[in-house]
Amino acid sequence: MQLYYAETFNPRKACAVAKYLQSPVEYVRVDLAHGEHRQSPYLALNPNGKVPLLVDGALHLWEADAIMVQLATRAGSDLWPSAPVSQVEVLRWLSWNQAHFSRHGSALYFEHLIKPWLGMGEADAAAVAEAGKFFRQFAAVLDAHLADHEWLVGERLGVADFAVSTPLGWAQEARLPLDGFEHLARWHRQLQALPAWREPFPQASAAGAAA
């Protein structure tokens, strides 16, 4: 298997799960700064021109959430639960995360990290304010759930935790408004105790780490 990645938002969760599971993948770094993801060789693998991408034999699997599930399934890991009712619950959190929590967290990540990295100027104050308002709204939903749950689904770490926690990997740099959410903070500390979550990427570069 080959896992194509860059040190950016969505590849973080795929790389974290691969590292956590010690998956037998060959990591292939895609140079976004030089447009490697828009060149024909990569587009032949992933016509979206995005990362991450998992090549598993004849399967070319894009979208980080699907990649996490594939890696967990290949490893026989309970990061992806076997019970259908739990699988539905995981899918609920993955969908919620894409539509709400990571959506607004990634907007703050873009304004505070990506725009300076690409030389696009200062953060847009209106965009930051709007994203921050919605991020706090959905962080409150997450915090309330975590008041009664150690992990998002069931009683153990799972792919939902890796997915939903993605913005927290840049909590300080993206200036995420996390104050006051004690249960979310406890969950964040649990995740930080995992080396694969703290340092998910197989290699780092100065520019890539900033992205």
Protein backbone atom coordinates (compact mmCIF):
# COMPACT_ATOMS: atom_id res chain seq x y z
CA MET A 1 0.00 0.00 0.00
CA GLN A 2 1.10 3.57 -0.68
CA LEU A 3 -0.25 6.49 1.33
CA TYR A 4 0.11 9.81 -0.47
CA TYR A 5 0.09 12.74 1.94
CA ALA A 6 1.20 16.25 2.74
CA GLU A 7 1.57 17.80 6.18
CA THR A 8 -1.84 19.43 5.96
CA PHE A 9 -5.31 19.23 7.47
CA ASN A 10 -7.05 16.10 6.12
CA PRO A 11 -3.96 13.92 5.59
CA ARG A 12 -3.28 14.32 9.31
CA LYS A 13 -5.97 11.85 10.35
CA ALA A 14 -5.09 9.25 7.72
CA CYS A 15 -1.40 9.40 8.68
CA ALA A 16 -2.23 9.28 12.39
CA VAL A 17 -4.29 6.11 11.98
CA ALA A 18 -1.62 4.52 9.77
CA LYS A 19 1.03 5.29 12.36
CA TYR A 20 -1.15 4.15 15.27
CA LEU A 21 -1.85 0.84 13.55
CA GLN A 22 1.73 0.50 12.28
CA SER A 23 0.16 -0.12 8.89
CA PRO A 24 2.51 -1.54 6.25
CA VAL A 25 2.27 1.49 4.01
CA GLU A 26 4.86 3.27 1.93
CA TYR A 27 4.48 6.98 2.61
CA VAL A 28 4.69 9.15 -0.50
CA ARG A 29 4.91 12.87 0.16
CA VAL A 30 3.13 15.10 -2.37
CA ASP A 31 4.75 18.52 -2.79
CA LEU A 32 1.76 20.86 -2.74
CA ALA A 33 3.88 24.00 -2.84
CA HIS A 34 5.21 23.01 -6.26
CA GLY A 35 1.86 21.80 -7.56
CA GLU A 36 2.70 18.12 -7.70
CA HIS A 37 -0.93 17.30 -6.90
CA ARG A 38 -2.04 19.06 -10.11
CA GLN A 39 0.35 17.22 -12.42
CA SER A 40 -0.67 14.36 -14.71
CA PRO A 41 1.07 11.49 -12.88
CA TYR A 42 -0.76 12.26 -9.64
CA LEU A 43 -4.06 13.10 -11.34
CA ALA A 44 -3.95 9.67 -12.96
CA LEU A 45 -4.10 8.25 -9.43
CA ASN A 46 -6.53 10.76 -7.94
CA PRO A 47 -8.45 12.92 -10.42
CA ASN A 48 -9.48 15.23 -7.58
CA GLY A 49 -5.90 16.43 -7.22
CA LYS A 50 -6.13 16.21 -3.43
CA VAL A 51 -4.40 14.42 -0.57
CA PRO A 52 -4.55 11.97 1.09
CA LEU A 53 -4.76 9.02 -1.27
CA LEU A 54 -4.34 5.34 -0.45
CA VAL A 55 -3.29 2.98 -3.24
CA ASP A 56 -4.05 -0.56 -2.14
CA GLY A 57 -3.51 -2.83 -5.12
CA ALA A 58 -6.11 -1.92 -7.72
CA LEU A 59 -7.97 0.26 -5.21
CA HIS A 60 -7.27 3.99 -5.43
CA LEU A 61 -9.03 5.31 -2.34
CA TRP A 62 -9.32 9.02 -1.71
CA GLU A 63 -11.03 10.84 1.20
CA ALA A 64 -9.33 10.59 4.57
CA ASP A 65 -12.30 9.14 6.46
CA ALA A 66 -12.60 6.25 4.00
CA ILE A 67 -8.83 5.68 4.18
CA MET A 68 -8.97 5.45 7.98
CA VAL A 69 -11.70 2.82 7.78
CA GLN A 70 -9.81 0.84 5.13
CA LEU A 71 -6.62 0.84 7.21
CA ALA A 72 -8.48 -0.24 10.33
CA THR A 73 -10.35 -2.97 8.44
CA ARG A 74 -7.15 -4.28 6.82
CA ALA A 75 -5.53 -4.42 10.27
CA GLY A 76 -8.51 -6.12 11.90
CA SER A 77 -8.56 -3.23 14.36
CA ASP A 78 -11.48 -2.15 16.53
CA LEU A 79 -10.74 1.44 15.57
CA TRP A 80 -13.56 0.60 13.12
CA PRO A 81 -16.20 -1.22 15.19
CA SER A 82 -17.72 -4.50 14.07
CA ALA A 83 -21.23 -3.89 15.42
CA PRO A 84 -23.52 -2.27 12.82
CA VAL A 85 -25.11 0.04 15.39
CA SER A 86 -21.66 1.34 16.35
CA GLN A 87 -20.69 1.75 12.70
CA VAL A 88 -23.77 3.94 12.17
CA GLU A 89 -22.78 6.00 15.19
CA VAL A 90 -19.27 6.47 13.79
CA LEU A 91 -20.72 7.55 10.45
CA ARG A 92 -22.88 10.09 12.25
CA TRP A 93 -19.82 11.68 13.87
CA LEU A 94 -17.83 11.60 10.64
CA SER A 95 -20.66 13.36 8.80
CA TRP A 96 -21.19 15.87 11.62
CA ASN A 97 -17.48 16.60 11.68
CA GLN A 98 -17.25 17.32 7.95
CA ALA A 99 -20.36 19.50 7.96
CA HIS A 100 -19.70 21.40 11.18
CA PHE A 101 -16.73 20.99 13.53
CA SER A 102 -13.85 20.46 11.10
CA ARG A 103 -15.54 22.67 8.53
CA HIS A 104 -15.22 25.72 10.76
CA GLY A 105 -11.97 24.58 12.35
CA SER A 106 -10.43 24.27 8.90
CA ALA A 107 -11.61 27.80 8.06
CA LEU A 108 -9.62 29.13 11.02
CA TYR A 109 -6.69 26.92 10.02
CA PHE A 110 -6.84 28.40 6.50
CA GLU A 111 -7.00 32.00 7.68
CA HIS A 112 -4.23 31.75 10.26
CA LEU A 113 -1.86 29.20 8.70
CA ILE A 114 -2.44 28.60 5.00
CA LYS A 115 -2.92 32.20 3.91
CA PRO A 116 0.41 33.37 5.44
CA TRP A 117 2.16 30.25 4.08
CA LEU A 118 0.93 30.98 0.56
CA GLY A 119 1.57 34.72 0.81
CA MET A 120 -2.14 35.53 0.57
CA GLY A 121 -2.04 38.31 3.12
CA GLU A 122 -3.54 38.72 6.55
CA ALA A 123 -6.44 36.76 7.97
CA ASP A 124 -9.87 38.06 7.01
CA ALA A 125 -11.34 39.37 10.27
CA ALA A 126 -14.93 38.78 9.19
CA ALA A 127 -14.19 35.21 8.09
CA VAL A 128 -12.37 34.54 11.37
CA ALA A 129 -15.25 35.91 13.42
CA GLU A 130 -17.84 33.85 11.56
CA ALA A 131 -15.81 30.64 11.70
CA GLY A 132 -15.03 31.20 15.37
CA LYS A 133 -18.72 31.69 16.22
CA PHE A 134 -19.77 28.48 14.51
CA PHE A 135 -16.77 26.56 15.81
CA ARG A 136 -17.76 27.39 19.39
CA GLN A 137 -21.37 26.43 18.68
CA PHE A 138 -20.38 22.95 17.59
CA ALA A 139 -17.57 22.62 20.14
CA ALA A 140 -20.32 22.98 22.75
CA VAL A 141 -22.17 20.01 21.19
CA LEU A 142 -18.97 17.96 21.31
CA ASP A 143 -18.20 19.03 24.88
CA ALA A 144 -21.67 18.01 26.05
CA HIS A 145 -21.28 14.57 24.47
CA LEU A 146 -17.85 14.09 26.01
CA ALA A 147 -19.24 14.91 29.46
CA ASP A 148 -20.66 11.37 29.48
CA HIS A 149 -18.26 9.59 27.14
CA GLU A 150 -14.53 8.93 27.41
CA TRP A 151 -14.31 8.55 23.64
CA LEU A 152 -16.77 9.52 20.92
CA VAL A 153 -18.24 6.08 20.23
CA GLY A 154 -18.33 3.21 22.67
CA GLU A 155 -15.69 2.89 25.35
CA ARG A 156 -12.55 2.94 23.25
CA LEU A 157 -10.57 5.06 20.84
CA GLY A 158 -11.84 4.89 17.26
CA VAL A 159 -11.63 6.44 13.83
CA ALA A 160 -14.23 9.02 14.88
CA ASP A 161 -11.81 10.36 17.49
CA PHE A 162 -9.02 10.69 14.95
CA ALA A 163 -11.34 12.43 12.50
CA VAL A 164 -13.06 14.90 14.81
CA SER A 165 -9.83 15.82 16.60
CA THR A 166 -8.12 16.96 13.39
CA PRO A 167 -8.46 20.73 14.06
CA LEU A 168 -7.00 20.27 17.54
CA GLY A 169 -3.69 19.30 15.98
CA TRP A 170 -3.26 23.01 15.24
CA ALA A 171 -5.31 24.38 18.15
CA GLN A 172 -2.82 27.10 19.08
CA GLU A 173 -1.65 28.02 15.58
CA ALA A 174 -5.21 28.18 14.21
CA ARG A 175 -6.34 30.11 17.30
CA LEU A 176 -9.24 27.82 17.95
CA PRO A 177 -11.64 29.28 20.54
CA LEU A 178 -11.59 26.34 22.93
CA ASP A 179 -11.73 28.09 26.31
CA GLY A 180 -14.43 26.86 28.66
CA PHE A 181 -14.85 23.38 27.19
CA GLU A 182 -13.51 21.23 30.01
CA HIS A 183 -14.62 17.86 28.65
CA LEU A 184 -13.23 18.58 25.20
CA ALA A 185 -9.97 19.63 26.90
CA ARG A 186 -9.84 16.30 28.77
CA TRP A 187 -10.40 14.41 25.52
CA HIS A 188 -7.68 16.50 23.86
CA ARG A 189 -5.24 15.57 26.64
CA GLN A 190 -6.02 11.89 26.10
CA LEU A 191 -5.27 12.26 22.40
CA GLN A 192 -2.04 14.12 23.10
CA ALA A 193 -0.87 11.11 25.08
CA LEU A 194 -0.84 9.11 21.82
CA PRO A 195 2.44 9.53 19.88
CA ALA A 196 0.64 8.77 16.61
CA TRP A 197 -1.80 11.62 17.21
CA ARG A 198 0.84 14.12 18.38
CA GLU A 199 3.25 13.45 15.52
CA PRO A 200 1.30 11.76 12.74
CA PHE A 201 3.48 12.55 9.76
CA PRO A 202 6.39 10.31 8.77
CA GLN A 203 8.59 13.27 7.97
CA ALA A 204 8.41 17.01 8.39
CA SER A 205 9.55 20.05 6.51
CA ALA A 206 9.56 23.62 7.67
CA ALA A 207 7.03 24.74 5.08
CA GLY A 208 4.94 21.59 5.39
CA ALA A 209 4.75 21.77 9.15
CA ALA A 210 3.41 25.29 8.87
CA ALA A 211 0.74 24.14 6.44
